[in-house]
Amino acid sequence: MNQVMEETIKVNLNETQRELVMDLAEDFAPFVSKVESGTSTTKNNYGAYGSMLTKISKGDRKLALIFAYALKIAGANAIGISDAIDAFFPENQ
């Protein structure tokens, strides 16, 4: 299990929150499809995912982890997502 999944599980989402994450995943699917089918400018597209996560989470690591989980469900490269979290949201902030 990768870091994003482990940290997201620690958040302990309730049923309503899980449904919201699934809805987010549906909303993120076109973005993920575009990123995954396009030319990668960073390894595993971590740059595209990190940039998006930074914008939508406004720098909040916990929010970024939830959004990252939704991106993963939408089909994003799990390593790219994990690398984006490591690069853009270091634990020691």
Protein backbone atom coordinates (compact mmCIF):
# COMPACT_ATOMS: atom_id res chain seq x y z
CA MET A 1 0.00 0.00 0.00
CA ASN A 2 1.43 3.39 -0.91
CA GLN A 3 1.84 6.40 1.38
CA VAL A 4 -1.22 8.25 0.07
CA MET A 5 -3.50 5.29 0.70
CA GLU A 6 -2.08 4.68 4.18
CA GLU A 7 -2.49 8.31 5.22
CA THR A 8 -5.97 8.57 3.70
CA ILE A 9 -7.11 5.49 5.60
CA LYS A 10 -5.87 7.17 8.80
CA VAL A 11 -8.31 9.99 8.10
CA ASN A 12 -11.11 7.44 8.71
CA LEU A 13 -13.71 8.60 6.24
CA ASN A 14 -17.33 7.95 7.15
CA GLU A 15 -19.87 6.76 4.58
CA THR A 16 -20.93 10.26 3.56
CA GLN A 17 -17.32 11.32 3.13
CA ARG A 18 -16.57 8.22 1.05
CA GLU A 19 -19.50 9.06 -1.22
CA LEU A 20 -18.15 12.60 -1.61
CA VAL A 21 -14.71 11.20 -2.53
CA MET A 22 -16.35 8.97 -5.14
CA ASP A 23 -18.17 12.02 -6.53
CA LEU A 24 -14.87 13.90 -6.64
CA ALA A 25 -13.29 10.98 -8.48
CA GLU A 26 -15.99 11.26 -11.14
CA ASP A 27 -15.33 14.99 -11.42
CA PHE A 28 -11.56 14.43 -11.63
CA ALA A 29 -11.80 11.68 -14.27
CA PRO A 30 -11.55 14.01 -17.32
CA PHE A 31 -8.47 15.72 -15.86
CA VAL A 32 -6.85 12.38 -15.04
CA SER A 33 -7.61 11.06 -18.51
CA LYS A 34 -6.04 14.14 -20.10
CA VAL A 35 -2.93 13.92 -17.90
CA GLU A 36 -2.45 10.17 -18.35
CA SER A 37 -2.96 10.28 -22.12
CA GLY A 38 -0.79 13.35 -22.70
CA THR A 39 2.94 13.86 -22.83
CA SER A 40 4.46 13.54 -19.39
CA THR A 41 6.69 16.46 -18.43
CA THR A 42 7.57 14.91 -15.06
CA LYS A 43 8.04 11.30 -13.99
CA ASN A 44 4.65 9.63 -13.57
CA ASN A 45 3.03 13.05 -14.05
CA TYR A 46 3.76 14.03 -10.46
CA GLY A 47 4.12 17.69 -11.53
CA ALA A 48 0.62 17.90 -13.01
CA TYR A 49 -0.91 16.17 -10.00
CA GLY A 50 1.09 18.21 -7.49
CA SER A 51 0.12 21.46 -9.17
CA MET A 52 -3.55 20.54 -9.17
CA LEU A 53 -3.46 19.32 -5.57
CA THR A 54 -1.75 22.52 -4.43
CA LYS A 55 -4.42 24.67 -6.06
CA ILE A 56 -7.49 22.79 -4.88
CA SER A 57 -6.23 22.07 -1.35
CA LYS A 58 -4.80 25.57 -0.86
CA GLY A 59 -1.69 23.93 0.61
CA ASP A 60 -3.51 21.89 3.26
CA ARG A 61 -1.87 18.44 3.41
CA LYS A 62 -4.93 16.65 4.83
CA LEU A 63 -7.17 18.04 2.10
CA ALA A 64 -4.52 17.18 -0.49
CA LEU A 65 -4.51 13.56 0.72
CA ILE A 66 -8.27 13.30 0.33
CA PHE A 67 -8.11 14.83 -3.15
CA ALA A 68 -5.18 12.53 -3.98
CA TYR A 69 -7.28 9.53 -2.99
CA ALA A 70 -10.05 10.72 -5.32
CA LEU A 71 -7.51 11.18 -8.13
CA LYS A 72 -6.27 7.62 -7.57
CA ILE A 73 -9.82 6.29 -7.75
CA ALA A 74 -10.26 8.28 -10.98
CA GLY A 75 -7.35 6.35 -12.50
CA ALA A 76 -4.34 8.54 -11.77
CA ASN A 77 -0.92 6.95 -11.61
CA ALA A 78 -0.51 5.93 -7.95
CA ILE A 79 3.24 6.51 -7.98
CA GLY A 80 2.76 9.94 -9.54
CA ILE A 81 0.22 10.85 -6.87
CA SER A 82 2.47 9.61 -4.08
CA ASP A 83 5.45 11.47 -5.53
CA ALA A 84 3.35 14.64 -5.81
CA ILE A 85 2.38 14.40 -2.15
CA ASP A 86 6.03 13.88 -1.17
CA ALA A 87 7.26 16.78 -3.31
CA PHE A 88 4.49 19.34 -2.78
CA PHE A 89 3.30 18.46 0.74
CA PRO A 90 6.26 17.31 2.85
CA GLU A 91 5.25 15.92 6.23
CA ASN A 92 7.52 18.27 8.14
CA GLN A 93 5.76 21.51 7.18
